[in-house]
Structures are given as structure tokens and as C-alpha cells.
Amino acid sequence: MPINRANWTLNVTGEVHRPLELTFDDLDPGGRFEQLEQVAPLDCTGGWYSTQRWQGVRVIDLCDVAGIKEGQRSLTFVGITGYSRGMPISDAANLLLATHVGDEPLSYRHGAPLRLVTPNRR
């Protein structure tokens, strides 16, 4: 079921100095964070992949604003469905929270309103 972007929030919590609750507008072009572009494959566990041009916010930028506490070694991403994935904090500079694929906003089928892009990982 598609998510209403107007009611959706991204929460950055846990071992941070400044927990964040961000709206889609904070992450969308023209919002609070710089949008970057990254070409990376979408490598699906279902056995297919596709290289796409993604646009969005770098995870490291969110980490910097939230102020990750000393000694943290990993980040955990939890989707609205409850699916979670851990990543080493050392990868944060290469991770992107995509709002767009190509020049279009993410569709429901592409994980709208936000998709974690993890180059070289499934």
C-alpha cells in the first residue's frame, strides 16, 4: 500500500546526541539536506539487478546532524514493514537515502518514499 508522504517521517534515534524526526520535505530536493546523485546497482535477493541513477541524501550527512555517540560501530535501518538491516558505520559515506530514481520521484514499487541505496551490497 502506498505511503502518504505528507504523514511520513524518518526517525534517527538510538546512540545519537540529537535525535531527528524528519519529514519527506526535509529530504526532498529543496529541503533541509543537500541532494546528491549516485549511480549504483539495485541487486535484488530475488536474483535480478539493475544499475540506476539515484538521487537523495547521504546517510553520513544525517549522522553528522544527529551526532553519533563515540564508539558506535554500526547503523541499523528499519523499514516501515519491520525489515531491518545493519551496516558498519564506516560505510555511512557511501550509503544514500534515495528520494528519486532517474529524474523521477520513487514510485511505490521502487520503495517510496525513501529507499536505502547500498552500493556493492544486497
PDB file of N, CA and C in Angstrom:
ATOM      1  N   MET A   1       0.843  -1.180   0.000  1.00  0.00           N
ATOM      2  CA  MET A   1       0.000   0.000   0.000  1.00  0.00           C
ATOM      3  C   MET A   1       0.889   1.245   0.000  1.00  0.00           C
ATOM      4  N   PRO A   2       0.660   2.184  -0.911  1.00  0.00           N
ATOM      5  CA  PRO A   2       1.462   3.407  -0.956  1.00  0.00           C
ATOM      6  C   PRO A   2       1.376   4.190   0.354  1.00  0.00           C
ATOM      7  N   ILE A   3       2.461   4.870   0.666  1.00  0.00           N
ATOM      8  CA  ILE A   3       2.567   5.659   1.892  1.00  0.00           C
ATOM      9  C   ILE A   3       2.302   7.120   1.566  1.00  0.00           C
ATOM     10  N   ASN A   4       1.519   7.773   2.384  1.00  0.00           N
ATOM     11  CA  ASN A   4       1.240   9.189   2.220  1.00  0.00           C
ATOM     12  C   ASN A   4       2.463   9.980   2.682  1.00  0.00           C
ATOM     13  N   ARG A   5       3.148  10.615   1.748  1.00  0.00           N
ATOM     14  CA  ARG A   5       4.374  11.357   2.075  1.00  0.00           C
ATOM     15  C   ARG A   5       4.122  12.495   3.064  1.00  0.00           C
ATOM     16  N   ALA A   6       2.918  13.047   3.055  1.00  0.00           N
ATOM     17  CA  ALA A   6       2.599  14.162   3.948  1.00  0.00           C
ATOM     18  C   ALA A   6       2.593  13.734   5.415  1.00  0.00           C
ATOM     19  N   ASN A   7       2.326  12.458   5.690  1.00  0.00           N
ATOM     20  CA  ASN A   7       2.256  11.962   7.070  1.00  0.00           C
ATOM     21  C   ASN A   7       3.467  11.144   7.479  1.00  0.00           C
ATOM     22  N   TRP A   8       4.380  10.895   6.560  1.00  0.00           N
ATOM     23  CA  TRP A   8       5.517  10.013   6.784  1.00  0.00           C
ATOM     24  C   TRP A   8       6.646  10.780   7.469  1.00  0.00           C
ATOM     25  N   THR A   9       7.389  10.102   8.357  1.00  0.00           N
ATOM     26  CA  THR A   9       8.585  10.696   8.953  1.00  0.00           C
ATOM     27  C   THR A   9       9.716   9.670   8.984  1.00  0.00           C
ATOM     28  N   LEU A  10      10.921  10.177   8.964  1.00  0.00           N
ATOM     29  CA  LEU A  10      12.128   9.374   9.151  1.00  0.00           C
ATOM     30  C   LEU A  10      12.670   9.734  10.527  1.00  0.00           C
ATOM     31  N   ASN A  11      12.873   8.737  11.360  1.00  0.00           N
ATOM     32  CA  ASN A  11      13.396   8.963  12.703  1.00  0.00           C
ATOM     33  C   ASN A  11      14.831   8.461  12.785  1.00  0.00           C
ATOM     34  N   VAL A  12      15.709   9.309  13.254  1.00  0.00           N
ATOM     35  CA  VAL A  12      17.097   8.948  13.501  1.00  0.00           C
ATOM     36  C   VAL A  12      17.246   8.958  15.023  1.00  0.00           C
ATOM     37  N   THR A  13      17.344   7.763  15.599  1.00  0.00           N
ATOM     38  CA  THR A  13      17.344   7.624  17.051  1.00  0.00           C
ATOM     39  C   THR A  13      18.436   6.660  17.475  1.00  0.00           C
ATOM     40  N   GLY A  14      18.490   6.388  18.751  1.00  0.00           N
ATOM     41  CA  GLY A  14      19.474   5.449  19.281  1.00  0.00           C
ATOM     42  C   GLY A  14      20.631   6.183  19.902  1.00  0.00           C
ATOM     43  N   GLU A  15      21.831   5.750  19.594  1.00  0.00           N
ATOM     44  CA  GLU A  15      23.040   6.304  20.206  1.00  0.00           C
ATOM     45  C   GLU A  15      23.479   7.573  19.475  1.00  0.00           C
ATOM     46  N   VAL A  16      22.611   8.600  19.580  1.00  0.00           N
ATOM     47  CA  VAL A  16      22.881   9.902  18.965  1.00  0.00           C
ATOM     48  C   VAL A  16      22.693  10.995  20.020  1.00  0.00           C
ATOM     49  N   HIS A  17      23.355  12.114  19.805  1.00  0.00           N
ATOM     50  CA  HIS A  17      23.215  13.252  20.716  1.00  0.00           C
ATOM     51  C   HIS A  17      21.944  14.046  20.434  1.00  0.00           C
ATOM     52  N   ARG A  18      21.505  14.074  19.172  1.00  0.00           N
ATOM     53  CA  ARG A  18      20.344  14.861  18.769  1.00  0.00           C
ATOM     54  C   ARG A  18      19.403  14.011  17.916  1.00  0.00           C
ATOM     55  N   PRO A  19      18.463  13.311  18.524  1.00  0.00           N
ATOM     56  CA  PRO A  19      17.515  12.522  17.724  1.00  0.00           C
ATOM     57  C   PRO A  19      16.800  13.423  16.706  1.00  0.00           C
ATOM     58  N   LEU A  20      16.546  12.858  15.538  1.00  0.00           N
ATOM     59  CA  LEU A  20      15.905  13.619  14.469  1.00  0.00           C
ATOM     60  C   LEU A  20      14.568  12.991  14.101  1.00  0.00           C
ATOM     61  N   GLU A  21      13.595  13.821  13.804  1.00  0.00           N
ATOM     62  CA  GLU A  21      12.354  13.385  13.171  1.00  0.00           C
ATOM     63  C   GLU A  21      12.194  14.259  11.938  1.00  0.00           C
ATOM     64  N   LEU A  22      12.401  13.648  10.778  1.00  0.00           N
ATOM     65  CA  LEU A  22      12.443  14.381   9.519  1.00  0.00           C
ATOM     66  C   LEU A  22      11.223  14.063   8.670  1.00  0.00           C
ATOM     67  N   THR A  23      10.704  15.069   8.005  1.00  0.00           N
ATOM     68  CA  THR A  23       9.598  14.869   7.072  1.00  0.00           C
ATOM     69  C   THR A  23      10.165  14.578   5.688  1.00  0.00           C
ATOM     70  N   PHE A  24       9.302  14.162   4.795  1.00  0.00           N
ATOM     71  CA  PHE A  24       9.744  13.943   3.421  1.00  0.00           C
ATOM     72  C   PHE A  24      10.263  15.246   2.823  1.00  0.00           C
ATOM     73  N   ASP A  25       9.618  16.366   3.135  1.00  0.00           N
ATOM     74  CA  ASP A  25      10.075  17.656   2.608  1.00  0.00           C
ATOM     75  C   ASP A  25      11.486  18.001   3.073  1.00  0.00           C
ATOM     76  N   ASP A  26      11.884  17.544   4.264  1.00  0.00           N
ATOM     77  CA  ASP A  26      13.255  17.776   4.735  1.00  0.00           C
ATOM     78  C   ASP A  26      14.277  17.076   3.849  1.00  0.00           C
ATOM     79  N   LEU A  27      13.892  15.952   3.250  1.00  0.00           N
ATOM     80  CA  LEU A  27      14.816  15.114   2.477  1.00  0.00           C
ATOM     81  C   LEU A  27      14.698  15.316   0.974  1.00  0.00           C
ATOM     82  N   ASP A  28      13.596  15.860   0.532  1.00  0.00           N
ATOM     83  CA  ASP A  28      13.328  16.062  -0.891  1.00  0.00           C
ATOM     84  C   ASP A  28      14.178  17.229  -1.415  1.00  0.00           C
ATOM     85  N   PRO A  29      14.403  17.302  -2.746  1.00  0.00           N
ATOM     86  CA  PRO A  29      15.151  18.443  -3.289  1.00  0.00           C
ATOM     87  C   PRO A  29      14.556  19.769  -2.798  1.00  0.00           C
ATOM     88  N   GLY A  30      15.434  20.673  -2.431  1.00  0.00           N
ATOM     89  CA  GLY A  30      14.997  21.960  -1.898  1.00  0.00           C
ATOM     90  C   GLY A  30      14.743  21.921  -0.402  1.00  0.00           C
ATOM     91  N   GLY A  31      14.929  20.752   0.211  1.00  0.00           N
ATOM     92  CA  GLY A  31      14.693  20.598   1.643  1.00  0.00           C
ATOM     93  C   GLY A  31      15.912  20.950   2.472  1.00  0.00           C
ATOM     94  N   ARG A  32      15.964  20.391   3.631  1.00  0.00           N
ATOM     95  CA  ARG A  32      16.979  20.713   4.636  1.00  0.00           C
ATOM     96  C   ARG A  32      18.371  20.182   4.298  1.00  0.00           C
ATOM     97  N   PHE A  33      18.439  19.120   3.487  1.00  0.00           N
ATOM     98  CA  PHE A  33      19.718  18.460   3.213  1.00  0.00           C
ATOM     99  C   PHE A  33      20.065  18.534   1.738  1.00  0.00           C
ATOM    100  N   GLU A  34      21.368  18.577   1.479  1.00  0.00           N
ATOM    101  CA  GLU A  34      21.852  18.578   0.093  1.00  0.00           C
ATOM    102  C   GLU A  34      21.503  17.250  -0.576  1.00  0.00           C
ATOM    103  N   GLN A  35      21.003  17.327  -1.789  1.00  0.00           N
ATOM    104  CA  GLN A  35      20.714  16.136  -2.589  1.00  0.00           C
ATOM    105  C   GLN A  35      21.945  15.799  -3.419  1.00  0.00           C
ATOM    106  N   LEU A  36      22.296  14.527  -3.426  1.00  0.00           N
ATOM    107  CA  LEU A  36      23.421  14.058  -4.220  1.00  0.00           C
ATOM    108  C   LEU A  36      22.941  12.982  -5.175  1.00  0.00           C
ATOM    109  N   GLU A  37      23.747  12.728  -6.183  1.00  0.00           N
ATOM    110  CA  GLU A  37      23.427  11.705  -7.174  1.00  0.00           C
ATOM    111  C   GLU A  37      24.456  10.588  -7.079  1.00  0.00           C
ATOM    112  N   GLN A  38      23.981   9.362  -7.256  1.00  0.00           N
ATOM    113  CA  GLN A  38      24.873   8.204  -7.190  1.00  0.00           C
ATOM    114  C   GLN A  38      24.373   7.154  -8.175  1.00  0.00           C
ATOM    115  N   VAL A  39      25.281   6.642  -8.991  1.00  0.00           N
ATOM    116  CA  VAL A  39      24.942   5.532  -9.878  1.00  0.00           C
ATOM    117  C   VAL A  39      25.330   4.252  -9.152  1.00  0.00           C
ATOM    118  N   ALA A  40      24.345   3.379  -8.978  1.00  0.00           N
ATOM    119  CA  ALA A  40      24.590   2.143  -8.222  1.00  0.00           C
ATOM    120  C   ALA A  40      23.590   1.087  -8.658  1.00  0.00           C
ATOM    121  N   PRO A  41      23.995  -0.185  -8.578  1.00  0.00           N
ATOM    122  CA  PRO A  41      23.058  -1.251  -8.915  1.00  0.00           C
ATOM    123  C   PRO A  41      22.068  -1.507  -7.789  1.00  0.00           C
ATOM    124  N   LEU A  42      20.895  -1.886  -8.170  1.00  0.00           N
ATOM    125  CA  LEU A  42      19.911  -2.428  -7.244  1.00  0.00           C
ATOM    126  C   LEU A  42      20.025  -3.929  -7.418  1.00  0.00           C
ATOM    127  N   ASP A  43      20.609  -4.583  -6.436  1.00  0.00           N
ATOM    128  CA  ASP A  43      20.868  -6.019  -6.503  1.00  0.00           C
ATOM    129  C   ASP A  43      19.848  -6.718  -5.619  1.00  0.00           C
ATOM    130  N   CYS A  44      18.829  -7.247  -6.238  1.00  0.00           N
ATOM    131  CA  CYS A  44      17.699  -7.838  -5.517  1.00  0.00           C
ATOM    132  C   CYS A  44      18.012  -9.274  -5.106  1.00  0.00           C
ATOM    133  N   THR A  45      17.573  -9.630  -3.913  1.00  0.00           N
ATOM    134  CA  THR A  45      17.771 -11.004  -3.457  1.00  0.00           C
ATOM    135  C   THR A  45      16.940 -11.982  -4.281  1.00  0.00           C
ATOM    136  N   GLY A  46      16.011 -11.474  -5.090  1.00  0.00           N
ATOM    137  CA  GLY A  46      15.206 -12.329  -5.964  1.00  0.00           C
ATOM    138  C   GLY A  46      15.954 -12.788  -7.208  1.00  0.00           C
ATOM    139  N   GLY A  47      17.202 -12.312  -7.392  1.00  0.00           N
ATOM    140  CA  GLY A  47      18.018 -12.818  -8.482  1.00  0.00           C
ATOM    141  C   GLY A  47      18.192 -11.880  -9.659  1.00  0.00           C
ATOM    142  N   TRP A  48      17.741 -10.649  -9.591  1.00  0.00           N
ATOM    143  CA  TRP A  48      17.942  -9.716 -10.698  1.00  0.00           C
ATOM    144  C   TRP A  48      18.621  -8.452 -10.186  1.00  0.00           C
ATOM    145  N   TYR A  49      19.192  -7.692 -11.102  1.00  0.00           N
ATOM    146  CA  TYR A  49      19.785  -6.420 -10.724  1.00  0.00           C
ATOM    147  C   TYR A  49      19.616  -5.426 -11.858  1.00  0.00           C
ATOM    148  N   SER A  50      19.728  -4.158 -11.516  1.00  0.00           N
ATOM    149  CA  SER A  50      19.600  -3.084 -12.477  1.00  0.00           C
ATOM    150  C   SER A  50      20.392  -1.893 -11.976  1.00  0.00           C
ATOM    151  N   THR A  51      21.252  -1.340 -12.824  1.00  0.00           N
ATOM    152  CA  THR A  51      22.011  -0.163 -12.443  1.00  0.00           C
ATOM    153  C   THR A  51      21.156   1.065 -12.709  1.00  0.00           C
ATOM    154  N   GLN A  52      21.044   1.922 -11.702  1.00  0.00           N
ATOM    155  CA  GLN A  52      20.191   3.102 -11.773  1.00  0.00           C
ATOM    156  C   GLN A  52      20.955   4.332 -11.299  1.00  0.00           C
ATOM    157  N   ARG A  53      20.429   5.489 -11.670  1.00  0.00           N
ATOM    158  CA  ARG A  53      20.934   6.768 -11.171  1.00  0.00           C
ATOM    159  C   ARG A  53      19.974   7.219 -10.071  1.00  0.00           C
ATOM    160  N   TRP A  54      20.472   7.246  -8.845  1.00  0.00           N
ATOM    161  CA  TRP A  54      19.675   7.575  -7.671  1.00  0.00           C
ATOM    162  C   TRP A  54      19.999   8.989  -7.210  1.00  0.00           C
ATOM    163  N   GLN A  55      19.020   9.671  -6.654  1.00  0.00           N
ATOM    164  CA  GLN A  55      19.243  10.973  -6.029  1.00  0.00           C
ATOM    165  C   GLN A  55      18.663  10.924  -4.625  1.00  0.00           C
ATOM    166  N   GLY A  56      19.396  11.538  -3.695  1.00  0.00           N
ATOM    167  CA  GLY A  56      18.910  11.551  -2.324  1.00  0.00           C
ATOM    168  C   GLY A  56      19.918  12.161  -1.377  1.00  0.00           C
ATOM    169  N   VAL A  57      19.795  11.797  -0.119  1.00  0.00           N
ATOM    170  CA  VAL A  57      20.591  12.364   0.970  1.00  0.00           C
ATOM    171  C   VAL A  57      21.588  11.317   1.458  1.00  0.00           C
ATOM    172  N   ARG A  58      22.836  11.730   1.627  1.00  0.00           N
ATOM    173  CA  ARG A  58      23.843  10.805   2.145  1.00  0.00           C
ATOM    174  C   ARG A  58      23.554  10.492   3.611  1.00  0.00           C
ATOM    175  N   VAL A  59      23.699   9.241   3.973  1.00  0.00           N
ATOM    176  CA  VAL A  59      23.482   8.821   5.353  1.00  0.00           C
ATOM    177  C   VAL A  59      24.465   9.529   6.284  1.00  0.00           C
ATOM    178  N   ILE A  60      25.689   9.744   5.828  1.00  0.00           N
ATOM    179  CA  ILE A  60      26.689  10.412   6.672  1.00  0.00           C
ATOM    180  C   ILE A  60      26.239  11.815   7.055  1.00  0.00           C
ATOM    181  N   ASP A  61      25.503  12.494   6.176  1.00  0.00           N
ATOM    182  CA  ASP A  61      25.013  13.841   6.497  1.00  0.00           C
ATOM    183  C   ASP A  61      24.003  13.794   7.649  1.00  0.00           C
ATOM    184  N   LEU A  62      23.147  12.779   7.647  1.00  0.00           N
ATOM    185  CA  LEU A  62      22.193  12.623   8.751  1.00  0.00           C
ATOM    186  C   LEU A  62      22.931  12.269  10.040  1.00  0.00           C
ATOM    187  N   CYS A  63      23.952  11.416   9.923  1.00  0.00           N
ATOM    188  CA  CYS A  63      24.755  11.042  11.090  1.00  0.00           C
ATOM    189  C   CYS A  63      25.431  12.270  11.693  1.00  0.00           C
ATOM    190  N   ASP A  64      25.943  13.134  10.828  1.00  0.00           N
ATOM    191  CA  ASP A  64      26.618  14.338  11.308  1.00  0.00           C
ATOM    192  C   ASP A  64      25.663  15.257  12.061  1.00  0.00           C
ATOM    193  N   VAL A  65      24.453  15.437  11.544  1.00  0.00           N
ATOM    194  CA  VAL A  65      23.473  16.307  12.206  1.00  0.00           C
ATOM    195  C   VAL A  65      22.997  15.685  13.512  1.00  0.00           C
ATOM    196  N   ALA A  66      22.761  14.375  13.509  1.00  0.00           N
ATOM    197  CA  ALA A  66      22.289  13.695  14.719  1.00  0.00           C
ATOM    198  C   ALA A  66      23.393  13.572  15.770  1.00  0.00           C
ATOM    199  N   GLY A  67      24.636  13.563  15.336  1.00  0.00           N
ATOM    200  CA  GLY A  67      25.750  13.446  16.274  1.00  0.00           C
ATOM    201  C   GLY A  67      25.864  12.048  16.855  1.00  0.00           C
ATOM    202  N   ILE A  68      26.405  11.124  16.072  1.00  0.00           N
ATOM    203  CA  ILE A  68      26.582   9.748  16.531  1.00  0.00           C
ATOM    204  C   ILE A  68      27.514   9.738  17.748  1.00  0.00           C
ATOM    205  N   LYS A  69      27.125   9.022  18.786  1.00  0.00           N
ATOM    206  CA  LYS A  69      27.934   8.971  20.003  1.00  0.00           C
ATOM    207  C   LYS A  69      29.226   8.180  19.781  1.00  0.00           C
ATOM    208  N   GLU A  70      30.244   8.569  20.495  1.00  0.00           N
ATOM    209  CA  GLU A  70      31.570   7.944  20.428  1.00  0.00           C
ATOM    210  C   GLU A  70      31.481   6.428  20.604  1.00  0.00           C
ATOM    211  N   GLY A  71      32.226   5.719  19.793  1.00  0.00           N
ATOM    212  CA  GLY A  71      32.332   4.274  19.943  1.00  0.00           C
ATOM    213  C   GLY A  71      31.307   3.461  19.168  1.00  0.00           C
ATOM    214  N   GLN A  72      30.356   4.114  18.506  1.00  0.00           N
ATOM    215  CA  GLN A  72      29.362   3.370  17.740  1.00  0.00           C
ATOM    216  C   GLN A  72      30.009   2.792  16.486  1.00  0.00           C
ATOM    217  N   ARG A  73      29.721   1.529  16.215  1.00  0.00           N
ATOM    218  CA  ARG A  73      30.345   0.863  15.074  1.00  0.00           C
ATOM    219  C   ARG A  73      29.360   0.456  13.997  1.00  0.00           C
ATOM    220  N   SER A  74      28.052   0.565  14.277  1.00  0.00           N
ATOM    221  CA  SER A  74      27.090   0.133  13.259  1.00  0.00           C
ATOM    222  C   SER A  74      25.852   1.012  13.270  1.00  0.00           C
ATOM    223  N   LEU A  75      25.148   0.950  12.162  1.00  0.00           N
ATOM    224  CA  LEU A  75      23.870   1.638  11.976  1.00  0.00           C
ATOM    225  C   LEU A  75      22.830   0.570  11.670  1.00  0.00           C
ATOM    226  N   THR A  76      21.637   0.754  12.164  1.00  0.00           N
ATOM    227  CA  THR A  76      20.543  -0.162  11.851  1.00  0.00           C
ATOM    228  C   THR A  76      19.444   0.624  11.155  1.00  0.00           C
ATOM    229  N   PHE A  77      19.019   0.118  10.009  1.00  0.00           N
ATOM    230  CA  PHE A  77      17.954   0.728   9.230  1.00  0.00           C
ATOM    231  C   PHE A  77      16.725  -0.156   9.355  1.00  0.00           C
ATOM    232  N   VAL A  78      15.595   0.435   9.703  1.00  0.00           N
ATOM    233  CA  VAL A  78      14.355  -0.316   9.872  1.00  0.00           C
ATOM    234  C   VAL A  78      13.297   0.306   8.972  1.00  0.00           C
ATOM    235  N   GLY A  79      12.749  -0.507   8.079  1.00  0.00           N
ATOM    236  CA  GLY A  79      11.708  -0.033   7.180  1.00  0.00           C
ATOM    237  C   GLY A  79      10.334  -0.088   7.814  1.00  0.00           C
ATOM    238  N   ILE A  80       9.379   0.484   7.135  1.00  0.00           N
ATOM    239  CA  ILE A  80       8.014   0.539   7.644  1.00  0.00           C
ATOM    240  C   ILE A  80       7.406  -0.858   7.792  1.00  0.00           C
ATOM    241  N   THR A  81       7.912  -1.823   7.035  1.00  0.00           N
ATOM    242  CA  THR A  81       7.414  -3.200   7.122  1.00  0.00           C
ATOM    243  C   THR A  81       8.042  -3.968   8.284  1.00  0.00           C
ATOM    244  N   GLY A  82       9.058  -3.354   8.923  1.00  0.00           N
ATOM    245  CA  GLY A  82       9.761  -4.022  10.004  1.00  0.00           C
ATOM    246  C   GLY A  82      11.057  -4.672   9.564  1.00  0.00           C
ATOM    247  N   TYR A  83      11.291  -4.762   8.255  1.00  0.00           N
ATOM    248  CA  TYR A  83      12.553  -5.313   7.752  1.00  0.00           C
ATOM    249  C   TYR A  83      13.689  -4.430   8.251  1.00  0.00           C
ATOM    250  N   SER A  84      14.753  -5.047   8.762  1.00  0.00           N
ATOM    251  CA  SER A  84      15.883  -4.253   9.243  1.00  0.00           C
ATOM    252  C   SER A  84      17.185  -4.772   8.659  1.00  0.00           C
ATOM    253  N   ARG A  85      18.142  -3.871   8.603  1.00  0.00           N
ATOM    254  CA  ARG A  85      19.450  -4.205   8.049  1.00  0.00           C
ATOM    255  C   ARG A  85      20.508  -3.406   8.791  1.00  0.00           C
ATOM    256  N   GLY A  86      21.548  -4.060   9.238  1.00  0.00           N
ATOM    257  CA  GLY A  86      22.657  -3.381   9.885  1.00  0.00           C
ATOM    258  C   GLY A  86      23.780  -3.134   8.902  1.00  0.00           C
ATOM    259  N   MET A  87      24.461  -2.028   9.074  1.00  0.00           N
ATOM    260  CA  MET A  87      25.602  -1.666   8.235  1.00  0.00           C
ATOM    261  C   MET A  87      26.700  -1.093   9.120  1.00  0.00           C
ATOM    262  N   PRO A  88      27.951  -1.345   8.773  1.00  0.00           N
ATOM    263  CA  PRO A  88      29.038  -0.720   9.531  1.00  0.00           C
ATOM    264  C   PRO A  88      28.985   0.799   9.389  1.00  0.00           C
ATOM    265  N   ILE A  89      29.227   1.502  10.462  1.00  0.00           N
ATOM    266  CA  ILE A  89      29.191   2.962  10.400  1.00  0.00           C
ATOM    267  C   ILE A  89      30.248   3.489   9.433  1.00  0.00           C
ATOM    268  N   SER A  90      31.295   2.711   9.201  1.00  0.00           N
ATOM    269  CA  SER A  90      32.337   3.111   8.252  1.00  0.00           C
ATOM    270  C   SER A  90      31.814   3.186   6.820  1.00  0.00           C
ATOM    271  N   ASP A  91      30.657   2.575   6.541  1.00  0.00           N
ATOM    272  CA  ASP A  91      30.052   2.632   5.200  1.00  0.00           C
ATOM    273  C   ASP A  91      29.136   3.833   5.006  1.00  0.00           C
ATOM    274  N   ALA A  92      28.878   4.615   6.054  1.00  0.00           N
ATOM    275  CA  ALA A  92      27.868   5.675   6.000  1.00  0.00           C
ATOM    276  C   ALA A  92      28.102   6.688   4.881  1.00  0.00           C
ATOM    277  N   ALA A  93      29.346   6.968   4.548  1.00  0.00           N
ATOM    278  CA  ALA A  93      29.643   7.944   3.497  1.00  0.00           C
ATOM    279  C   ALA A  93      29.230   7.445   2.116  1.00  0.00           C
ATOM    280  N   ASN A  94      29.081   6.124   1.947  1.00  0.00           N
ATOM    281  CA  ASN A  94      28.710   5.554   0.645  1.00  0.00           C
ATOM    282  C   ASN A  94      27.230   5.202   0.539  1.00  0.00           C
ATOM    283  N   LEU A  95      26.485   5.348   1.627  1.00  0.00           N
ATOM    284  CA  LEU A  95      25.070   4.988   1.634  1.00  0.00           C
ATOM    285  C   LEU A  95      24.218   6.204   1.318  1.00  0.00           C
ATOM    286  N   LEU A  96      23.162   5.978   0.569  1.00  0.00           N
ATOM    287  CA  LEU A  96      22.279   7.060   0.146  1.00  0.00           C
ATOM    288  C   LEU A  96      20.848   6.704   0.497  1.00  0.00           C
ATOM    289  N   LEU A  97      20.122   7.650   1.046  1.00  0.00           N
ATOM    290  CA  LEU A  97      18.679   7.503   1.230  1.00  0.00           C
ATOM    291  C   LEU A  97      18.033   8.194   0.040  1.00  0.00           C
ATOM    292  N   ALA A  98      17.640   7.393  -0.932  1.00  0.00           N
ATOM    293  CA  ALA A  98      17.164   7.920  -2.213  1.00  0.00           C
ATOM    294  C   ALA A  98      15.707   8.353  -2.144  1.00  0.00           C
ATOM    295  N   THR A  99      15.460   9.520  -2.721  1.00  0.00           N
ATOM    296  CA  THR A  99      14.110  10.037  -2.899  1.00  0.00           C
ATOM    297  C   THR A  99      13.673   9.935  -4.360  1.00  0.00           C
ATOM    298  N   HIS A 100      14.666   9.784  -5.260  1.00  0.00           N
ATOM    299  CA  HIS A 100      14.409   9.747  -6.699  1.00  0.00           C
ATOM    300  C   HIS A 100      15.246   8.656  -7.358  1.00  0.00           C
ATOM    301  N   VAL A 101      14.734   8.121  -8.440  1.00  0.00           N
ATOM    302  CA  VAL A 101      15.494   7.227  -9.315  1.00  0.00           C
ATOM    303  C   VAL A 101      15.347   7.788 -10.724  1.00  0.00           C
ATOM    304  N   GLY A 102      16.478   7.922 -11.440  1.00  0.00           N
ATOM    305  CA  GLY A 102      16.430   8.663 -12.689  1.00  0.00           C
ATOM    306  C   GLY A 102      16.089  10.102 -12.328  1.00  0.00           C
ATOM    307  N   ASP A 103      15.167  10.675 -13.031  1.00  0.00           N
ATOM    308  CA  ASP A 103      14.728  12.033 -12.697  1.00  0.00           C
ATOM    309  C   ASP A 103      13.344  12.043 -12.080  1.00  0.00           C
ATOM    310  N   GLU A 104      12.878  10.884 -11.664  1.00  0.00           N
ATOM    311  CA  GLU A 104      11.514  10.764 -11.146  1.00  0.00           C
ATOM    312  C   GLU A 104      11.516  10.442  -9.653  1.00  0.00           C
ATOM    313  N   PRO A 105      10.528  10.959  -8.913  1.00  0.00           N
ATOM    314  CA  PRO A 105      10.385  10.535  -7.515  1.00  0.00           C
ATOM    315  C   PRO A 105      10.188   9.027  -7.455  1.00  0.00           C
ATOM    316  N   LEU A 106      10.660   8.416  -6.396  1.00  0.00           N
ATOM    317  CA  LEU A 106      10.472   6.974  -6.233  1.00  0.00           C
ATOM    318  C   LEU A 106       8.999   6.629  -6.296  1.00  0.00           C
ATOM    319  N   SER A 107       8.713   5.554  -6.964  1.00  0.00           N
ATOM    320  CA  SER A 107       7.346   5.040  -7.005  1.00  0.00           C
ATOM    321  C   SER A 107       7.169   4.040  -5.868  1.00  0.00           C
ATOM    322  N   TYR A 108       5.946   3.661  -5.644  1.00  0.00           N
ATOM    323  CA  TYR A 108       5.638   2.656  -4.628  1.00  0.00           C
ATOM    324  C   TYR A 108       6.442   1.387  -4.892  1.00  0.00           C
ATOM    325  N   ARG A 109       6.542   0.973  -6.148  1.00  0.00           N
ATOM    326  CA  ARG A 109       7.271  -0.251  -6.499  1.00  0.00           C
ATOM    327  C   ARG A 109       8.777  -0.135  -6.298  1.00  0.00           C
ATOM    328  N   HIS A 110       9.283   1.086  -6.268  1.00  0.00           N
ATOM    329  CA  HIS A 110      10.715   1.319  -6.021  1.00  0.00           C
ATOM    330  C   HIS A 110      10.998   1.629  -4.558  1.00  0.00           C
ATOM    331  N   GLY A 111       9.992   1.520  -3.680  1.00  0.00           N
ATOM    332  CA  GLY A 111      10.221   1.697  -2.253  1.00  0.00           C
ATOM    333  C   GLY A 111       9.869   3.052  -1.686  1.00  0.00           C
ATOM    334  N   ALA A 112       9.078   3.847  -2.416  1.00  0.00           N
ATOM    335  CA  ALA A 112       8.720   5.192  -1.953  1.00  0.00           C
ATOM    336  C   ALA A 112       8.188   5.140  -0.523  1.00  0.00           C
ATOM    337  N   PRO A 113       8.447   6.150   0.222  1.00  0.00           N
ATOM    338  CA  PRO A 113       9.009   7.437  -0.197  1.00  0.00           C
ATOM    339  C   PRO A 113      10.536   7.510  -0.152  1.00  0.00           C
ATOM    340  N   LEU A 114      11.190   6.491   0.411  1.00  0.00           N
ATOM    341  CA  LEU A 114      12.637   6.542   0.593  1.00  0.00           C
ATOM    342  C   LEU A 114      13.214   5.145   0.481  1.00  0.00           C
ATOM    343  N   ARG A 115      14.354   5.034  -0.202  1.00  0.00           N
ATOM    344  CA  ARG A 115      14.991   3.731  -0.361  1.00  0.00           C
ATOM    345  C   ARG A 115      16.460   3.843   0.016  1.00  0.00           C
ATOM    346  N   LEU A 116      16.944   2.882   0.773  1.00  0.00           N
ATOM    347  CA  LEU A 116      18.354   2.835   1.123  1.00  0.00           C
ATOM    348  C   LEU A 116      19.131   2.241  -0.045  1.00  0.00           C
ATOM    349  N   VAL A 117      20.069   2.993  -0.569  1.00  0.00           N
ATOM    350  CA  VAL A 117      20.926   2.534  -1.666  1.00  0.00           C
ATOM    351  C   VAL A 117      22.267   2.150  -1.049  1.00  0.00           C
ATOM    352  N   THR A 118      22.634   0.890  -1.221  1.00  0.00           N
ATOM    353  CA  THR A 118      23.830   0.315  -0.602  1.00  0.00           C
ATOM    354  C   THR A 118      24.738  -0.262  -1.677  1.00  0.00           C
ATOM    355  N   PRO A 119      25.582   0.566  -2.298  1.00  0.00           N
ATOM    356  CA  PRO A 119      26.451   0.074  -3.365  1.00  0.00           C
ATOM    357  C   PRO A 119      27.271  -1.133  -2.899  1.00  0.00           C
ATOM    358  N   ASN A 120      27.357  -2.116  -3.786  1.00  0.00           N
ATOM    359  CA  ASN A 120      28.138  -3.323  -3.563  1.00  0.00           C
ATOM    360  C   ASN A 120      27.578  -4.219  -2.449  1.00  0.00           C
ATOM    361  N   ARG A 121      26.311  -4.045  -2.115  1.00  0.00           N
ATOM    362  CA  ARG A 121      25.653  -4.887  -1.131  1.00  0.00           C
ATOM    363  C   ARG A 121      24.259  -5.224  -1.624  1.00  0.00           C
ATOM    364  N   ARG A 122      23.747  -6.354  -1.147  1.00  0.00           N
ATOM    365  CA  ARG A 122      22.359  -6.717  -1.460  1.00  0.00           C
ATOM    366  C   ARG A 122      21.428  -6.040  -0.518  1.00  0.00           C
TER     367      ARG A 122
END
